Amino acid sequence: MRGISTSTSPASASPLPVTAGFSQYDGVLDLKERLAENEAHRRSLEGKHQYVREALDHYRQAIKDQRDHDRRQHEQQLQQLQAELRQAQKTIVVSRRKSH
């Protein structure tokens, strides 16, 4: 006669699989939660990346516009100075003619 029963009763067999099942289910939920967090983080990074690209494009355009403005202003100043120089040279020529 044996002292240990080899039959398993439903009460003694069910705690292990149920606990293991909940553990796996919790693991799946944890992984899904992490996946959702990672996806949200990825979308956030993509949004930031897009914002930075737009800001950089805006900066580049602003720099280009400023350079164009500075170049036009320089050309205008150059033309004005050349006109003043021609006027000064004419004045010198006229004053030399008067003194001779």
C-alpha atoms as a PDB file:
ATOM      1  CA  MET A   1       0.000   0.000   0.000  1.00  0.00           C
ATOM      2  CA  ARG A   2       1.254   3.414  -0.961  1.00  0.00           C
ATOM      3  CA  GLY A   3       1.056   6.480   1.262  1.00  0.00           C
ATOM      4  CA  ILE A   4       1.152   8.984  -1.636  1.00  0.00           C
ATOM      5  CA  SER A   5      -1.776   9.289  -3.953  1.00  0.00           C
ATOM      6  CA  THR A   6      -0.868   9.468  -7.645  1.00  0.00           C
ATOM      7  CA  SER A   7      -4.200  10.787  -8.753  1.00  0.00           C
ATOM      8  CA  THR A   8      -4.544  14.489  -9.180  1.00  0.00           C
ATOM      9  CA  SER A   9      -7.626  16.194  -7.993  1.00  0.00           C
ATOM     10  CA  PRO A  10      -8.962  19.166  -9.942  1.00  0.00           C
ATOM     11  CA  ALA A  11      -8.276  21.462  -6.986  1.00  0.00           C
ATOM     12  CA  SER A  12      -4.610  20.505  -6.777  1.00  0.00           C
ATOM     13  CA  ALA A  13      -3.951  20.581 -10.543  1.00  0.00           C
ATOM     14  CA  SER A  14      -5.551  23.881 -11.504  1.00  0.00           C
ATOM     15  CA  PRO A  15      -3.522  26.472  -9.494  1.00  0.00           C
ATOM     16  CA  LEU A  16      -0.336  26.027 -11.542  1.00  0.00           C
ATOM     17  CA  PRO A  17      -1.813  26.379 -15.043  1.00  0.00           C
ATOM     18  CA  VAL A  18      -4.130  29.225 -13.999  1.00  0.00           C
ATOM     19  CA  THR A  19      -1.235  31.112 -12.388  1.00  0.00           C
ATOM     20  CA  ALA A  20       0.958  30.458 -15.404  1.00  0.00           C
ATOM     21  CA  GLY A  21      -1.845  31.590 -17.686  1.00  0.00           C
ATOM     22  CA  PHE A  22      -2.276  34.850 -15.819  1.00  0.00           C
ATOM     23  CA  SER A  23       1.467  35.360 -15.832  1.00  0.00           C
ATOM     24  CA  GLN A  24       1.609  34.904 -19.608  1.00  0.00           C
ATOM     25  CA  TYR A  25      -1.415  37.134 -20.050  1.00  0.00           C
ATOM     26  CA  ASP A  26       0.196  39.810 -17.870  1.00  0.00           C
ATOM     27  CA  GLY A  27       3.379  39.490 -19.918  1.00  0.00           C
ATOM     28  CA  VAL A  28       1.446  39.948 -23.131  1.00  0.00           C
ATOM     29  CA  LEU A  29      -0.307  42.984 -21.671  1.00  0.00           C
ATOM     30  CA  ASP A  30       3.028  44.393 -20.534  1.00  0.00           C
ATOM     31  CA  LEU A  31       4.481  43.881 -24.006  1.00  0.00           C
ATOM     32  CA  LYS A  32       1.447  45.487 -25.636  1.00  0.00           C
ATOM     33  CA  GLU A  33       1.718  48.422 -23.245  1.00  0.00           C
ATOM     34  CA  ARG A  34       5.420  48.795 -24.001  1.00  0.00           C
ATOM     35  CA  LEU A  35       4.687  48.561 -27.716  1.00  0.00           C
ATOM     36  CA  ALA A  36       2.050  51.290 -27.410  1.00  0.00           C
ATOM     37  CA  GLU A  37       4.467  53.463 -25.427  1.00  0.00           C
ATOM     38  CA  ASN A  38       7.191  52.907 -28.000  1.00  0.00           C
ATOM     39  CA  GLU A  39       4.787  53.757 -30.814  1.00  0.00           C
ATOM     40  CA  ALA A  40       3.714  56.945 -29.031  1.00  0.00           C
ATOM     41  CA  HIS A  41       7.364  57.849 -28.469  1.00  0.00           C
ATOM     42  CA  ARG A  42       8.166  57.173 -32.136  1.00  0.00           C
ATOM     43  CA  ARG A  43       5.285  59.399 -33.251  1.00  0.00           C
ATOM     44  CA  SER A  44       6.476  62.085 -30.858  1.00  0.00           C
ATOM     45  CA  LEU A  45       9.996  61.881 -32.273  1.00  0.00           C
ATOM     46  CA  GLU A  46       8.653  62.017 -35.825  1.00  0.00           C
ATOM     47  CA  GLY A  47       6.651  65.116 -34.916  1.00  0.00           C
ATOM     48  CA  LYS A  48       9.708  66.744 -33.377  1.00  0.00           C
ATOM     49  CA  HIS A  49      11.801  65.772 -36.389  1.00  0.00           C
ATOM     50  CA  GLN A  50       9.241  67.321 -38.749  1.00  0.00           C
ATOM     51  CA  TYR A  51       9.112  70.487 -36.630  1.00  0.00           C
ATOM     52  CA  VAL A  52      12.911  70.784 -36.653  1.00  0.00           C
ATOM     53  CA  ARG A  53      13.048  70.221 -40.429  1.00  0.00           C
ATOM     54  CA  GLU A  54      10.453  72.946 -40.961  1.00  0.00           C
ATOM     55  CA  ALA A  55      12.314  75.276 -38.603  1.00  0.00           C
ATOM     56  CA  LEU A  56      15.576  74.586 -40.447  1.00  0.00           C
ATOM     57  CA  ASP A  57      13.925  75.222 -43.812  1.00  0.00           C
ATOM     58  CA  HIS A  58      12.480  78.466 -42.454  1.00  0.00           C
ATOM     59  CA  TYR A  59      15.904  79.484 -41.106  1.00  0.00           C
ATOM     60  CA  ARG A  60      17.587  78.718 -44.427  1.00  0.00           C
ATOM     61  CA  GLN A  61      14.972  80.730 -46.306  1.00  0.00           C
ATOM     62  CA  ALA A  62      15.302  83.636 -43.868  1.00  0.00           C
ATOM     63  CA  ILE A  63      19.104  83.607 -44.291  1.00  0.00           C
ATOM     64  CA  LYS A  64      18.736  83.515 -48.083  1.00  0.00           C
ATOM     65  CA  ASP A  65      16.247  86.390 -47.983  1.00  0.00           C
ATOM     66  CA  GLN A  66      18.566  88.394 -45.711  1.00  0.00           C
ATOM     67  CA  ARG A  67      21.536  87.807 -48.034  1.00  0.00           C
ATOM     68  CA  ASP A  68      19.479  88.867 -51.042  1.00  0.00           C
ATOM     69  CA  HIS A  69      18.340  91.981 -49.178  1.00  0.00           C
ATOM     70  CA  ASP A  70      21.925  92.795 -48.128  1.00  0.00           C
ATOM     71  CA  ARG A  71      23.181  92.267 -51.694  1.00  0.00           C
ATOM     72  CA  ARG A  72      20.490  94.572 -53.131  1.00  0.00           C
ATOM     73  CA  GLN A  73      21.223  97.182 -50.475  1.00  0.00           C
ATOM     74  CA  HIS A  74      24.949  96.958 -51.220  1.00  0.00           C
ATOM     75  CA  GLU A  75      24.301  97.349 -54.963  1.00  0.00           C
ATOM     76  CA  GLN A  76      22.112 100.409 -54.309  1.00  0.00           C
ATOM     77  CA  GLN A  77      24.762 101.974 -52.069  1.00  0.00           C
ATOM     78  CA  LEU A  78      27.420 101.231 -54.664  1.00  0.00           C
ATOM     79  CA  GLN A  79      25.355 102.876 -57.413  1.00  0.00           C
ATOM     80  CA  GLN A  80      24.676 105.875 -55.182  1.00  0.00           C
ATOM     81  CA  LEU A  81      28.369 106.272 -54.345  1.00  0.00           C
ATOM     82  CA  GLN A  82      29.313 105.945 -58.019  1.00  0.00           C
ATOM     83  CA  ALA A  83      26.774 108.646 -58.893  1.00  0.00           C
ATOM     84  CA  GLU A  84      28.171 110.887 -56.127  1.00  0.00           C
ATOM     85  CA  LEU A  85      31.693 110.225 -57.400  1.00  0.00           C
ATOM     86  CA  ARG A  86      30.712 111.182 -60.967  1.00  0.00           C
ATOM     87  CA  GLN A  87      29.060 114.351 -59.642  1.00  0.00           C
ATOM     88  CA  ALA A  88      32.162 115.199 -57.611  1.00  0.00           C
ATOM     89  CA  GLN A  89      34.386 114.624 -60.660  1.00  0.00           C
ATOM     90  CA  LYS A  90      32.158 116.896 -62.770  1.00  0.00           C
ATOM     91  CA  THR A  91      32.349 119.541 -60.065  1.00  0.00           C
ATOM     92  CA  ILE A  92      36.148 119.294 -60.064  1.00  0.00           C
ATOM     93  CA  VAL A  93      36.298 119.593 -63.858  1.00  0.00           C
ATOM     94  CA  VAL A  94      34.012 122.658 -63.794  1.00  0.00           C
ATOM     95  CA  SER A  95      35.982 124.337 -61.009  1.00  0.00           C
ATOM     96  CA  ARG A  96      39.296 123.738 -62.854  1.00  0.00           C
ATOM     97  CA  ARG A  97      37.863 125.270 -66.014  1.00  0.00           C
ATOM     98  CA  LYS A  98      36.766 128.329 -64.054  1.00  0.00           C
ATOM     99  CA  SER A  99      40.166 128.751 -62.461  1.00  0.00           C
ATOM    100  CA  HIS A 100      42.030 128.611 -65.795  1.00  0.00           C
END
